[in-house]
């Protein structure tokens, strides 16, 4: 049923969405858990800091022009290989490739890091769940 529903959404439309993930229902034990999550104030602080880094570059990552992606989303050899494998295995378009790089840049910024690494790319690829074939 999921595949039938997703197949009704055109590829070019999905390409224009930066993040698409399935959100499963929360299990009862997790709802009742004593474990606390990160507080909203800490999250807000990290987001604001990342936003300032992005604005210092001249624009938020989501609005990063395609002609400057290479400058601000540099990858090392391992990152290049990871992205290449993801693009080939998932059959990603050029637009999806750019979106993954911008999301990876944002993940990197949220972590307060300078350079995109393999873990940032892997997380960004995971946020493209509708690009996968079921």
Protein backbone atom coordinates (compact mmCIF):
# COMPACT_ATOMS: atom_id res chain seq x y z
CA UNK A 1 0.00 0.00 0.00
CA UNK A 2 2.88 2.34 0.80
CA UNK A 3 4.48 1.76 -2.58
CA UNK A 4 1.17 2.41 -4.36
CA UNK A 5 0.67 5.66 -2.43
CA UNK A 6 4.24 6.87 -2.97
CA UNK A 7 4.10 6.00 -6.68
CA UNK A 8 1.35 8.61 -7.09
CA UNK A 9 3.82 11.36 -6.11
CA UNK A 10 5.92 12.43 -9.07
CA UNK A 11 9.70 12.12 -8.92
CA UNK A 12 10.28 15.80 -9.76
CA UNK A 13 8.00 16.79 -6.87
CA UNK A 14 9.84 14.49 -4.42
CA UNK A 15 13.15 15.94 -5.62
CA UNK A 16 12.05 19.36 -4.37
CA UNK A 17 11.50 18.13 -0.82
CA UNK A 18 14.70 18.19 1.26
CA UNK A 19 13.70 15.69 3.93
CA UNK A 20 11.17 12.88 3.77
CA UNK A 21 11.06 10.17 6.41
CA UNK A 22 8.63 7.66 7.78
CA UNK A 23 7.66 8.35 11.38
CA UNK A 24 6.58 5.20 13.20
CA UNK A 25 4.24 5.38 16.18
CA UNK A 26 5.91 5.67 19.56
CA UNK A 27 5.98 2.45 21.56
CA UNK A 28 4.23 2.44 24.94
CA UNK A 29 7.45 1.75 26.87
CA UNK A 30 9.08 4.78 25.28
CA UNK A 31 6.11 6.95 26.23
CA UNK A 32 6.44 5.81 29.85
CA UNK A 33 10.23 5.94 29.98
CA UNK A 34 11.97 7.95 32.71
CA UNK A 35 14.71 8.89 30.26
CA UNK A 36 14.62 12.58 29.41
CA UNK A 37 15.15 14.02 25.96
CA UNK A 38 17.34 16.99 25.13
CA UNK A 39 15.62 20.14 26.36
CA UNK A 40 14.07 22.49 23.81
CA UNK A 41 16.22 25.42 24.96
CA UNK A 42 19.41 23.50 24.12
CA UNK A 43 18.04 22.52 20.72
CA UNK A 44 17.00 26.10 20.02
CA UNK A 45 20.49 27.31 20.94
CA UNK A 46 22.14 24.85 18.54
CA UNK A 47 19.73 25.80 15.74
CA UNK A 48 20.33 29.52 16.27
CA UNK A 49 24.11 29.00 16.23
CA UNK A 50 23.90 26.94 13.04
CA UNK A 51 21.67 29.59 11.46
CA UNK A 52 24.25 32.30 12.26
CA UNK A 53 27.00 30.22 10.65
CA UNK A 54 24.86 29.84 7.54
CA UNK A 55 24.00 33.53 7.36
CA UNK A 56 27.70 34.37 7.72
CA UNK A 57 28.19 32.39 4.48
CA UNK A 58 25.59 34.64 2.88
CA UNK A 59 22.47 32.48 2.87
CA UNK A 60 20.74 29.65 4.73
CA UNK A 61 21.76 26.20 3.47
CA UNK A 62 18.31 25.50 2.04
CA UNK A 63 18.71 28.50 -0.26
CA UNK A 64 22.32 27.78 -1.19
CA UNK A 65 22.66 28.35 -4.93
CA UNK A 66 23.74 25.29 -6.88
CA UNK A 67 26.79 27.11 -8.24
CA UNK A 68 28.28 27.42 -4.71
CA UNK A 69 27.42 23.97 -3.32
CA UNK A 70 30.91 22.66 -4.15
CA UNK A 71 32.51 25.54 -2.23
CA UNK A 72 30.52 25.07 0.99
CA UNK A 73 29.89 21.32 0.79
CA UNK A 74 33.39 19.98 0.20
CA UNK A 75 33.85 16.26 0.74
CA UNK A 76 36.91 14.20 1.51
CA UNK A 77 37.63 10.99 -0.42
CA UNK A 78 35.51 8.84 1.91
CA UNK A 79 32.63 11.31 1.62
CA UNK A 80 32.84 11.32 -2.17
CA UNK A 81 32.71 7.52 -2.22
CA UNK A 82 29.77 7.42 0.22
CA UNK A 83 27.77 9.91 -1.81
CA UNK A 84 28.63 8.16 -5.08
CA UNK A 85 27.41 4.81 -3.73
CA UNK A 86 24.18 6.40 -2.45
CA UNK A 87 23.48 8.15 -5.75
CA UNK A 88 24.11 4.99 -7.78
CA UNK A 89 22.26 2.56 -5.51
CA UNK A 90 19.24 4.81 -5.00
CA UNK A 91 19.19 6.17 -8.55
CA UNK A 92 19.15 9.75 -7.27
CA UNK A 93 18.72 12.73 -9.54
CA UNK A 94 21.07 15.70 -9.74
CA UNK A 95 18.55 17.71 -7.72
CA UNK A 96 18.42 15.04 -4.97
CA UNK A 97 22.24 14.96 -4.95
CA UNK A 98 22.30 18.71 -4.24
CA UNK A 99 19.62 18.40 -1.55
CA UNK A 100 21.62 15.68 0.22
CA UNK A 101 24.70 17.90 0.25
CA UNK A 102 22.77 20.84 1.68
CA UNK A 103 21.15 18.69 4.38
CA UNK A 104 24.56 17.19 5.24
CA UNK A 105 25.95 20.75 5.49
CA UNK A 106 23.14 21.62 7.91
CA UNK A 107 23.76 18.50 10.04
CA UNK A 108 27.43 19.48 10.15
CA UNK A 109 26.53 23.05 11.17
CA UNK A 110 24.21 21.80 13.92
CA UNK A 111 27.08 19.75 15.30
CA UNK A 112 29.31 22.82 15.31
CA UNK A 113 31.73 21.19 12.89
CA UNK A 114 33.58 22.75 9.97
CA UNK A 115 33.76 19.88 7.48
CA UNK A 116 31.12 17.47 6.24
CA UNK A 117 32.08 13.91 7.10
CA UNK A 118 30.73 10.47 6.22
CA UNK A 119 28.35 10.40 9.20
CA UNK A 120 26.76 13.70 8.10
CA UNK A 121 26.28 12.33 4.58
CA UNK A 122 24.90 9.01 5.82
CA UNK A 123 22.35 10.82 7.99
CA UNK A 124 21.36 13.10 5.12
CA UNK A 125 20.89 10.09 2.81
CA UNK A 126 18.66 8.46 5.45
CA UNK A 127 16.37 11.48 5.21
CA UNK A 128 15.63 10.60 1.56
CA UNK A 129 13.50 7.57 2.41
CA UNK A 130 10.96 8.13 -0.38
CA UNK A 131 13.73 7.97 -2.99
CA UNK A 132 14.27 4.31 -2.09
CA UNK A 133 12.46 1.67 -4.04
CA UNK A 134 10.25 -0.61 -1.95
